[in-house]
Amino acid sequence: MREHGLSEVAITQFRRLYDVWRNEEASSWIREDAIEPVTDVPSFHEVYETIDHDEAVGAFAKTAFLKLNGGLGTSMGLEQAKSLLMVRRHKARKMRFLDIIIGQVLTARTRLGVPLPLTFMNSFRTADDTMCVLHQNRHFKQEEIPTQIIQHQEPKIVESTGEPVSYPKNTALEWCPPGHGDLFSTIWESGLLDKLSERGFEYLFISNSDNLGARPSRTLAQHFENTGAPFMAEVATRTYADRKGGHIVRDTATGRLMLREMSQVHPDDKSAAQSITRHPYFNTNSIWIRIDALREKLQQYDGVLPLPVIRNRKTVDPTDPETEHVVQLETAMGAAIGLFDGAICVQVDRMRFLPVKTTNDLFIMRSDRFHLTDSYEMEDGNYIFPDVDLDPRYYRNINDFNERFPYSVPSLAAAKSVTIRGDWTFGQNTAMFADAVLEDQGEPSYVPNGEFIGPQGVEPDGWL
């Protein structure tokens, strides 16, 4: 890491992750008998009724916005920032994640008269492309607060030997970011907190760039200010589909809230951890944090917070399962909740949690289930979406996905679920309804223009 010019903060952080991985395997479990479920969380609607909305602009004016933007979207076959992926069209314009995020910020600045600085935490792979888009937007201007901080990088480790992997075919793949928990040491090293404090900012709102529901909110800014809490996590009500996600629990020993990822659940506790009645909320990875409290905590730990270590097992080339097996040592941003006395949660609706992790998610986002408003809000009637299962052989990769939907994805307004098996390409103005199924025909197949797809596949033309 020194040979590659990485900082001592980056090296100190990696040394800690490596030592925990090698020596403290047992400590990675968060056992069910050592925690209590979190069940009584105020909802956004309850909060909304308790605040003065004119006064809320004052809290919002002291808030800065930070987006985690280091991901490449390799699970979809992307080789650039996922935030550069086109989400949908708006008034004939192609709108990428970045375009929508910038639009949300500019709308808040204009309508509420707040500065709302926007900073991206980029990785070494996403920085140039992201900044190019930002600089090309003639409406976006920001001078006193940095528009980006650069996430650290660390070597991928050969799991069997504990040594850094060697991959001469593409040496860039020998490196990886240390998870989004690296945000805190990156903030510390960048001096961002000092720059924000000097200009009167008191709160940071942080969320993923692929979650377009995580818009800046004056309601939550005022609620956060009213509570006096140092840290607030947005959580949402779990459904069966969310049972494998990270969830907030309370440590019985300390009384503090904790984030428990499924990788930290002991096999004997899996049933209890996945119970959506026992643990009704999941972590949306959107947090609010007081700048002074964060600075104090980072000073206490010399810029490297003692967050739980996540072992992310992959191949050195994530797109090639035949390459060498490695482990990427990571931390989760939300796990910092366990370091703060008095940290709280707020339960938000699904409209604030719209992540795109796979082309299954993108399929819904591009459909007629959503409308992108002039305020850059992704609106849907009820935010209860159909279950989508697209054949990964033909739809997982974004280029393959786009090729099979040359006009647009089908209408999903009447669909309860969507299952596509095999290689299907879609014509214009197709629609899915009920539990829509397309079975593998054993050869490339086509859904003609205007057809309806339901439980019987492409519906027959005549009456039975």
Protein backbone atom coordinates (compact mmCIF):
# COMPACT_ATOMS: atom_id res chain seq x y z
CA MET A 1 0.00 0.00 0.00
CA ARG A 2 2.90 2.39 0.72
CA GLU A 3 4.48 1.50 -2.62
CA HIS A 4 1.26 2.64 -4.28
CA GLY A 5 1.27 5.94 -2.38
CA LEU A 6 -1.65 5.21 -0.06
CA SER A 7 -1.98 7.27 3.11
CA GLU A 8 -1.17 6.17 6.64
CA VAL A 9 -4.86 6.48 7.54
CA ALA A 10 -5.72 4.01 4.76
CA ILE A 11 -2.96 1.65 5.91
CA THR A 12 -3.97 1.87 9.58
CA GLN A 13 -7.56 1.09 8.66
CA PHE A 14 -6.59 -1.90 6.51
CA ARG A 15 -4.23 -3.24 9.19
CA ARG A 16 -7.13 -3.24 11.65
CA LEU A 17 -9.46 -5.02 9.20
CA TYR A 18 -6.79 -7.60 8.40
CA ASP A 19 -5.97 -8.31 12.06
CA VAL A 20 -9.64 -8.80 12.92
CA TRP A 21 -10.11 -11.10 9.94
CA ARG A 22 -7.10 -13.25 10.87
CA ASN A 23 -7.56 -13.39 14.61
CA GLU A 24 -11.14 -12.66 15.64
CA GLU A 25 -13.44 -14.87 13.60
CA ALA A 26 -15.66 -15.65 16.57
CA SER A 27 -16.14 -11.96 17.39
CA SER A 28 -17.89 -11.36 14.08
CA TRP A 29 -21.12 -13.01 15.29
CA ILE A 30 -23.85 -10.90 16.86
CA ARG A 31 -25.80 -13.61 18.68
CA GLU A 32 -29.57 -13.49 19.13
CA ASP A 33 -29.32 -13.98 22.90
CA ALA A 34 -27.08 -10.91 23.18
CA ILE A 35 -29.50 -8.47 21.56
CA GLU A 36 -33.05 -7.19 21.82
CA PRO A 37 -35.30 -6.53 18.82
CA VAL A 38 -36.08 -2.90 18.03
CA THR A 39 -39.85 -2.62 17.67
CA ASP A 40 -40.95 0.87 18.71
CA VAL A 41 -39.71 3.35 16.10
CA PRO A 42 -41.50 6.63 15.30
CA SER A 43 -42.72 6.87 11.71
CA PHE A 44 -42.18 9.69 9.26
CA HIS A 45 -45.92 10.45 9.42
CA GLU A 46 -45.83 10.78 13.22
CA VAL A 47 -42.78 13.02 12.95
CA TYR A 48 -44.43 15.13 10.25
CA GLU A 49 -47.30 16.06 12.59
CA THR A 50 -44.97 17.27 15.35
CA ILE A 51 -42.78 19.81 13.58
CA ASP A 52 -43.14 23.41 12.47
CA HIS A 53 -42.56 23.22 8.72
CA ASP A 54 -41.56 26.86 8.38
CA GLU A 55 -39.01 26.40 11.16
CA ALA A 56 -37.81 23.21 9.45
CA VAL A 57 -36.21 25.25 6.68
CA GLY A 58 -33.77 26.54 9.32
CA ALA A 59 -32.60 23.02 10.17
CA PHE A 60 -32.47 22.14 6.48
CA ALA A 61 -30.25 25.17 5.82
CA LYS A 62 -27.68 23.68 8.21
CA THR A 63 -27.68 20.31 6.42
CA ALA A 64 -25.12 19.04 3.88
CA PHE A 65 -25.82 16.17 1.49
CA LEU A 66 -23.32 13.35 0.87
CA LYS A 67 -23.81 10.57 -1.65
CA LEU A 68 -21.92 7.26 -1.64
CA ASN A 69 -20.88 6.88 -5.26
CA GLY A 70 -17.99 4.42 -5.32
CA GLY A 71 -19.83 1.46 -6.84
CA LEU A 72 -19.24 0.25 -10.40
CA GLY A 73 -22.32 -1.91 -10.74
CA THR A 74 -20.25 -4.97 -11.64
CA SER A 75 -23.23 -7.20 -10.77
CA MET A 76 -24.90 -5.74 -13.88
CA GLY A 77 -21.77 -5.91 -16.04
CA LEU A 78 -21.02 -2.18 -15.80
CA GLU A 79 -17.47 -0.85 -16.03
CA GLN A 80 -18.16 2.69 -14.86
CA ALA A 81 -20.02 4.35 -12.00
CA LYS A 82 -23.45 2.80 -11.55
CA SER A 83 -24.80 6.33 -11.12
CA LEU A 84 -24.11 6.94 -14.84
CA LEU A 85 -26.67 4.29 -15.78
CA MET A 86 -29.80 5.62 -17.49
CA VAL A 87 -32.82 5.14 -15.21
CA ARG A 88 -35.59 6.44 -17.43
CA ARG A 89 -36.55 9.24 -19.81
CA HIS A 90 -38.11 12.53 -18.77
CA LYS A 91 -39.44 14.89 -21.41
CA ALA A 92 -37.43 12.96 -24.03
CA ARG A 93 -34.20 13.31 -22.04
CA LYS A 94 -32.24 10.31 -20.83
CA MET A 95 -32.00 10.64 -17.05
CA ARG A 96 -29.17 8.94 -15.19
CA PHE A 97 -28.97 8.51 -11.44
CA LEU A 98 -26.59 11.48 -11.33
CA ASP A 99 -28.96 13.70 -13.32
CA ILE A 100 -31.80 12.94 -10.93
CA ILE A 101 -29.66 13.48 -7.81
CA ILE A 102 -28.43 16.85 -9.10
CA GLY A 103 -32.02 17.76 -9.99
CA GLN A 104 -33.21 16.94 -6.47
CA VAL A 105 -30.52 19.17 -4.97
CA LEU A 106 -31.16 22.08 -7.32
CA THR A 107 -34.92 21.85 -6.68
CA ALA A 108 -34.38 22.06 -2.91
CA ARG A 109 -31.97 24.96 -3.27
CA THR A 110 -34.35 26.92 -5.49
CA ARG A 111 -37.65 26.23 -3.73
CA LEU A 112 -36.45 26.55 -0.13
CA GLY A 113 -33.55 28.97 -0.53
CA VAL A 114 -31.06 26.67 1.23
CA PRO A 115 -27.39 26.14 0.23
CA LEU A 116 -27.55 22.29 0.48
CA PRO A 117 -23.98 21.46 -0.57
CA LEU A 118 -23.61 18.15 -2.41
CA THR A 119 -20.51 15.98 -2.01
CA PHE A 120 -19.89 12.60 -3.64
CA MET A 121 -17.69 9.96 -2.06
CA ASN A 122 -16.17 8.50 -5.22
CA SER A 123 -13.78 5.59 -5.61
CA PHE A 124 -10.66 5.65 -7.76
CA ARG A 125 -12.80 4.08 -10.51
CA THR A 126 -15.78 6.48 -10.43
CA ALA A 127 -14.20 9.89 -9.74
CA ASP A 128 -13.36 11.10 -13.27
CA ASP A 129 -16.64 10.10 -14.92
CA THR A 130 -18.73 11.52 -12.08
CA MET A 131 -16.96 14.87 -11.98
CA CYS A 132 -17.22 15.17 -15.75
CA VAL A 133 -21.02 14.94 -15.53
CA LEU A 134 -21.13 17.39 -12.63
CA HIS A 135 -19.01 19.97 -14.43
CA GLN A 136 -21.09 19.67 -17.59
CA ASN A 137 -24.27 20.64 -15.74
CA ARG A 138 -24.48 24.40 -16.26
CA HIS A 139 -27.07 24.85 -13.48
CA PHE A 140 -24.98 23.23 -10.73
CA LYS A 141 -22.52 25.53 -8.98
CA GLN A 142 -20.64 24.92 -5.73
CA GLU A 143 -17.43 26.63 -4.72
CA GLU A 144 -16.73 26.57 -0.96
CA ILE A 145 -17.55 22.91 -0.22
CA PRO A 146 -15.75 20.09 -2.12
CA THR A 147 -17.94 18.22 -4.60
CA GLN A 148 -16.03 14.99 -4.04
CA ILE A 149 -13.90 13.07 -1.60
CA ILE A 150 -12.02 9.97 -2.75
CA GLN A 151 -12.61 6.67 -1.02
CA HIS A 152 -9.56 4.68 0.10
CA GLN A 153 -8.47 1.47 -1.59
CA GLU A 154 -6.93 -1.71 -0.26
CA PRO A 155 -5.58 -4.98 -1.69
CA LYS A 156 -7.86 -7.93 -2.29
CA ILE A 157 -6.63 -10.88 -0.23
CA VAL A 158 -6.19 -14.49 -1.35
CA GLU A 159 -8.39 -16.23 1.18
CA SER A 160 -6.33 -19.41 1.36
CA THR A 161 -2.98 -17.67 2.01
CA GLY A 162 -3.78 -14.25 3.45
CA GLU A 163 -1.54 -12.59 0.86
CA PRO A 164 -2.45 -9.82 -1.57
CA VAL A 165 -3.71 -11.23 -4.85
CA SER A 166 -1.67 -10.90 -8.05
CA TYR A 167 -3.55 -10.44 -11.32
CA PRO A 168 -1.16 -9.24 -14.06
CA LYS A 169 -3.93 -9.41 -16.67
CA ASN A 170 -5.54 -6.35 -15.03
CA THR A 171 -3.66 -5.02 -12.01
CA ALA A 172 -6.49 -2.58 -11.19
CA LEU A 173 -8.55 -5.61 -10.14
CA GLU A 174 -6.01 -6.37 -7.40
CA TRP A 175 -7.54 -3.46 -5.45
CA CYS A 176 -10.95 -2.76 -3.93
CA PRO A 177 -12.63 -0.14 -1.73
CA PRO A 178 -13.03 -1.07 1.97
CA GLY A 179 -16.85 -0.87 1.93
CA HIS A 180 -18.92 2.24 2.59
CA GLY A 181 -17.84 2.27 6.25
CA ASP A 182 -14.63 3.75 4.83
CA LEU A 183 -16.66 6.96 4.51
CA PHE A 184 -15.69 8.04 8.00
CA SER A 185 -11.91 7.78 7.62
CA THR A 186 -12.20 9.39 4.19
CA ILE A 187 -14.17 12.30 5.66
CA TRP A 188 -11.59 12.62 8.44
CA GLU A 189 -8.64 12.70 6.08
CA SER A 190 -10.32 15.06 3.60
CA GLY A 191 -10.96 17.82 6.13
CA LEU A 192 -14.60 18.01 4.95
CA LEU A 193 -16.00 18.34 8.48
CA ASP A 194 -13.91 21.44 9.17
CA LYS A 195 -14.97 23.05 5.89
CA LEU A 196 -18.63 22.41 6.67
CA SER A 197 -18.39 23.66 10.27
CA GLU A 198 -16.62 26.85 9.21
CA ARG A 199 -19.60 27.67 7.01
CA GLY A 200 -22.25 26.96 9.63
CA PHE A 201 -23.34 23.46 8.69
CA GLU A 202 -24.27 21.17 11.58
CA TYR A 203 -25.77 18.03 10.02
CA LEU A 204 -24.79 15.51 7.35
CA PHE A 205 -27.37 13.47 5.46
CA ILE A 206 -25.70 10.46 3.80
CA SER A 207 -27.22 7.92 1.41
CA ASN A 208 -26.45 5.66 -1.57
CA SER A 209 -26.38 7.15 -5.05
CA ASP A 210 -28.44 4.21 -6.38
CA ASN A 211 -31.29 5.00 -3.94
CA LEU A 212 -33.25 7.75 -5.66
CA GLY A 213 -35.84 7.72 -2.89
CA ALA A 214 -33.32 9.14 -0.41
CA ARG A 215 -34.05 12.77 -1.17
CA PRO A 216 -33.06 15.65 1.11
CA SER A 217 -35.92 16.21 3.60
CA ARG A 218 -36.56 19.29 5.71
CA THR A 219 -39.01 17.26 7.82
CA LEU A 220 -36.34 14.76 8.84
CA ALA A 221 -33.75 17.54 9.26
CA GLN A 222 -36.00 19.31 11.77
CA HIS A 223 -36.87 16.07 13.57
CA PHE A 224 -33.19 15.21 13.86
CA GLU A 225 -32.44 18.66 15.28
CA ASN A 226 -35.34 18.41 17.73
CA THR A 227 -34.18 15.07 19.14
CA GLY A 228 -30.65 16.21 19.92
CA ALA A 229 -29.47 12.73 18.91
CA PRO A 230 -25.94 12.40 17.50
CA PHE A 231 -26.92 9.80 14.89
CA MET A 232 -30.20 8.81 13.20
CA ALA A 233 -30.75 5.85 10.88
CA GLU A 234 -33.65 5.63 8.45
CA VAL A 235 -35.29 2.20 8.62
CA ALA A 236 -38.22 0.70 6.73
CA THR A 237 -40.71 -2.03 7.54
CA ARG A 238 -39.47 -5.45 6.48
CA THR A 239 -41.36 -7.65 4.07
CA TYR A 240 -40.56 -11.25 3.26
CA ALA A 241 -38.34 -10.01 0.40
CA ASP A 242 -36.27 -7.98 2.90
CA ARG A 243 -35.67 -10.83 5.35
CA LYS A 244 -31.99 -11.20 4.39
CA GLY A 245 -31.12 -7.52 4.79
CA GLY A 246 -29.26 -5.83 7.63
CA HIS A 247 -31.47 -4.82 10.54
CA ILE A 248 -31.18 -2.64 13.62
CA VAL A 249 -31.04 -4.36 17.03
CA ARG A 250 -30.22 -3.26 20.58
CA ASP A 251 -27.16 -4.56 22.42
CA THR A 252 -28.38 -5.78 25.81
CA ALA A 253 -24.95 -5.19 27.37
CA THR A 254 -24.58 -1.52 26.41
CA GLY A 255 -28.15 -0.49 25.57
CA ARG A 256 -26.91 0.95 22.28
CA LEU A 257 -28.45 0.34 18.90
CA MET A 258 -26.47 -1.87 16.52
CA LEU A 259 -26.60 -2.75 12.83
CA ARG A 260 -26.58 -6.51 12.33
CA GLU A 261 -25.82 -7.66 8.79
CA MET A 262 -26.80 -11.20 7.82
CA SER A 263 -23.09 -12.04 7.51
CA GLN A 264 -22.90 -11.44 11.29
CA VAL A 265 -25.76 -13.83 12.09
CA HIS A 266 -24.69 -17.19 13.49
CA PRO A 267 -26.18 -20.15 11.55
CA ASP A 268 -28.13 -21.17 14.66
CA ASP A 269 -29.78 -17.72 14.77
CA LYS A 270 -30.72 -17.42 11.11
CA SER A 271 -34.41 -18.25 11.60
CA ALA A 272 -34.86 -15.64 14.33
CA ALA A 273 -32.86 -13.02 12.43
CA GLN A 274 -34.97 -13.47 9.30
CA SER A 275 -38.27 -13.27 11.18
CA ILE A 276 -40.00 -10.10 9.99
CA THR A 277 -42.24 -10.11 13.06
CA ARG A 278 -39.40 -10.40 15.57
CA HIS A 279 -37.20 -7.88 13.73
CA PRO A 280 -39.70 -5.66 11.86
CA TYR A 281 -37.30 -3.02 10.48
CA PHE A 282 -34.40 -3.13 8.04
CA ASN A 283 -31.61 -0.63 7.47
CA THR A 284 -32.03 1.58 4.37
CA ASN A 285 -28.40 2.81 4.57
CA SER A 286 -29.53 6.43 4.83
CA ILE A 287 -28.21 8.18 7.93
CA TRP A 288 -28.21 11.60 9.58
CA ILE A 289 -25.25 12.54 11.73
CA ARG A 290 -24.22 15.62 13.71
CA ILE A 291 -20.97 17.01 12.41
CA ASP A 292 -19.60 17.90 15.87
CA ALA A 293 -20.44 14.45 17.25
CA LEU A 294 -18.77 12.75 14.30
CA ARG A 295 -15.66 14.89 14.60
CA GLU A 296 -15.37 14.07 18.31
CA LYS A 297 -15.76 10.34 17.64
CA LEU A 298 -13.17 10.39 14.85
CA GLN A 299 -10.72 12.28 17.06
CA GLN A 300 -11.21 9.63 19.74
CA TYR A 301 -10.15 6.88 17.31
CA ASP A 302 -7.58 8.81 15.24
CA GLY A 303 -9.79 8.72 12.18
CA VAL A 304 -10.39 4.93 12.08
CA LEU A 305 -13.65 3.88 13.73
CA PRO A 306 -13.74 0.33 15.20
CA LEU A 307 -16.54 -0.96 13.00
CA PRO A 308 -17.36 -4.68 12.62
CA VAL A 309 -15.46 -6.35 9.80
CA ILE A 310 -17.41 -7.81 6.87
CA ARG A 311 -15.78 -10.59 4.85
CA ASN A 312 -16.92 -10.21 1.24
CA ARG A 313 -15.91 -13.29 -0.73
CA LYS A 314 -15.55 -12.87 -4.50
CA THR A 315 -13.30 -13.78 -7.40
CA VAL A 316 -10.51 -11.38 -8.32
CA ASP A 317 -12.37 -10.59 -11.54
CA PRO A 318 -16.00 -10.34 -10.38
CA THR A 319 -17.23 -11.03 -13.91
CA ASP A 320 -15.23 -14.26 -14.25
CA PRO A 321 -16.06 -17.03 -11.74
CA GLU A 322 -13.00 -19.00 -12.89
CA THR A 323 -10.49 -16.46 -11.52
CA GLU A 324 -8.86 -16.75 -8.10
CA HIS A 325 -11.01 -16.60 -4.97
CA VAL A 326 -10.36 -13.54 -2.81
CA VAL A 327 -11.76 -11.86 0.27
CA GLN A 328 -12.49 -8.15 0.40
CA LEU A 329 -12.40 -6.76 3.94
CA GLU A 330 -15.10 -4.16 4.43
CA THR A 331 -17.11 -2.21 6.96
CA ALA A 332 -20.68 -0.86 6.80
CA MET A 333 -21.47 2.81 7.26
CA GLY A 334 -24.61 2.11 9.28
CA ALA A 335 -22.64 0.08 11.83
CA ALA A 336 -21.38 3.38 13.28
CA ILE A 337 -24.74 3.64 15.05
CA GLY A 338 -23.28 1.29 17.68
CA LEU A 339 -20.62 3.85 18.66
CA PHE A 340 -22.99 6.64 19.69
CA ASP A 341 -24.93 6.89 22.94
CA GLY A 342 -28.41 8.20 22.24
CA ALA A 343 -28.53 7.15 18.57
CA ILE A 344 -32.06 6.77 17.19
CA CYS A 345 -34.05 5.43 14.24
CA VAL A 346 -36.93 6.80 12.22
CA GLN A 347 -39.23 4.60 10.14
CA VAL A 348 -39.69 5.87 6.58
CA ASP A 349 -41.98 4.77 3.78
CA ARG A 350 -40.82 2.80 0.76
CA MET A 351 -40.83 6.01 -1.26
CA ARG A 352 -37.52 6.80 0.50
CA PHE A 353 -36.03 3.40 -0.32
CA LEU A 354 -35.80 2.74 -4.07
CA PRO A 355 -32.43 1.00 -4.58
CA VAL A 356 -31.27 -0.47 -7.87
CA LYS A 357 -28.93 -3.39 -7.22
CA THR A 358 -29.81 -5.62 -10.17
CA THR A 359 -31.48 -5.44 -13.57
CA ASN A 360 -34.60 -6.85 -11.85
CA ASP A 361 -34.79 -3.55 -9.91
CA LEU A 362 -34.02 -1.51 -13.03
CA PHE A 363 -36.84 -3.32 -14.88
CA ILE A 364 -39.35 -1.89 -12.38
CA MET A 365 -37.71 1.55 -12.26
CA ARG A 366 -37.95 1.94 -16.06
CA SER A 367 -41.55 0.76 -16.20
CA ASP A 368 -44.82 2.69 -16.09
CA ARG A 369 -45.00 2.00 -12.36
CA PHE A 370 -42.96 5.20 -11.93
CA HIS A 371 -43.35 8.80 -12.95
CA LEU A 372 -40.39 11.16 -12.67
CA THR A 373 -41.80 14.53 -11.64
CA ASP A 374 -40.45 17.97 -12.50
CA SER A 375 -39.13 18.00 -8.91
CA TYR A 376 -37.08 14.88 -9.71
CA GLU A 377 -39.14 12.64 -7.45
CA MET A 378 -39.69 9.03 -8.46
CA GLU A 379 -43.42 8.68 -7.81
CA ASP A 380 -45.53 5.53 -7.67
CA GLY A 381 -49.05 4.91 -6.40
CA ASN A 382 -48.28 2.62 -3.48
CA TYR A 383 -44.62 1.54 -3.74
CA ILE A 384 -45.62 -2.13 -3.48
CA PHE A 385 -43.86 -3.60 -6.48
CA PRO A 386 -44.26 -6.87 -8.38
CA ASP A 387 -41.76 -9.63 -7.70
CA VAL A 388 -39.46 -9.76 -10.73
CA ASP A 389 -37.31 -12.74 -11.72
CA LEU A 390 -35.53 -12.29 -15.06
CA ASP A 391 -33.43 -15.14 -16.45
CA PRO A 392 -29.87 -14.15 -15.44
CA ARG A 393 -28.42 -15.79 -18.54
CA TYR A 394 -30.02 -13.16 -20.76
CA TYR A 395 -30.89 -10.18 -18.57
CA ARG A 396 -28.29 -9.84 -15.78
CA ASN A 397 -25.81 -7.95 -17.95
CA ILE A 398 -26.98 -4.42 -18.75
CA ASN A 399 -26.05 -4.68 -22.44
CA ASP A 400 -28.02 -7.93 -22.82
CA PHE A 401 -30.91 -6.35 -20.88
CA ASN A 402 -31.05 -3.27 -23.12
CA GLU A 403 -30.83 -5.41 -26.26
CA ARG A 404 -33.95 -7.38 -25.28
CA PHE A 405 -36.00 -4.27 -24.50
CA PRO A 406 -35.15 -2.14 -27.58
CA TYR A 407 -38.18 0.16 -27.18
CA SER A 408 -39.09 0.09 -23.49
CA VAL A 409 -39.85 -2.43 -20.78
CA PRO A 410 -43.44 -3.77 -20.71
CA SER A 411 -46.20 -2.10 -18.75
CA LEU A 412 -46.29 -3.42 -15.18
CA ALA A 413 -49.35 -1.50 -13.97
CA ALA A 414 -51.43 -4.69 -13.64
CA ALA A 415 -48.62 -7.13 -12.79
CA LYS A 416 -48.35 -8.96 -9.47
CA SER A 417 -45.17 -10.83 -10.44
CA VAL A 418 -42.97 -11.32 -13.49
CA THR A 419 -41.01 -14.45 -14.35
CA ILE A 420 -39.04 -14.70 -17.59
CA ARG A 421 -37.25 -17.92 -18.45
CA GLY A 422 -35.23 -18.09 -21.63
CA ASP A 423 -34.25 -15.55 -24.27
CA TRP A 424 -37.18 -13.22 -25.01
CA THR A 425 -37.04 -9.90 -26.88
CA PHE A 426 -39.95 -7.47 -26.57
CA GLY A 427 -41.71 -5.35 -29.16
CA GLN A 428 -43.40 -2.00 -28.52
CA ASN A 429 -46.32 -1.40 -26.13
CA THR A 430 -46.34 -4.81 -24.49
CA ALA A 431 -48.01 -5.27 -21.08
CA MET A 432 -47.80 -7.75 -18.24
CA PHE A 433 -50.62 -8.59 -15.84
CA ALA A 434 -51.29 -10.85 -12.83
CA ASP A 435 -48.52 -13.46 -12.37
CA ALA A 436 -46.93 -13.02 -15.79
CA VAL A 437 -44.77 -15.92 -16.98
CA LEU A 438 -42.72 -16.54 -20.10
CA GLU A 439 -41.23 -20.03 -20.33
CA ASP A 440 -37.97 -20.99 -22.04
CA GLN A 441 -38.70 -21.97 -25.66
CA GLY A 442 -35.23 -23.38 -26.16
CA GLU A 443 -34.46 -20.70 -28.75
CA PRO A 444 -34.59 -16.89 -29.01
CA SER A 445 -38.24 -15.80 -28.87
CA TYR A 446 -40.16 -12.59 -29.52
CA VAL A 447 -43.16 -10.86 -27.93
CA PRO A 448 -44.85 -8.94 -30.76
CA ASN A 449 -45.98 -5.32 -30.50
CA GLY A 450 -49.01 -4.70 -28.31
CA GLU A 451 -49.23 -8.19 -26.80
CA PHE A 452 -50.31 -8.99 -23.23
CA ILE A 453 -48.33 -11.43 -21.07
CA GLY A 454 -50.08 -13.21 -18.20
CA PRO A 455 -50.06 -16.55 -16.36
CA GLN A 456 -50.39 -18.41 -19.69
CA GLY A 457 -47.53 -16.51 -21.30
CA VAL A 458 -48.35 -14.44 -24.38
CA GLU A 459 -52.14 -14.41 -24.27
CA PRO A 460 -53.92 -16.08 -27.21
CA ASP A 461 -55.72 -13.84 -29.68
CA GLY A 462 -59.08 -15.63 -29.68
CA TRP A 463 -61.71 -16.31 -27.01
CA LEU A 464 -61.85 -19.80 -25.54
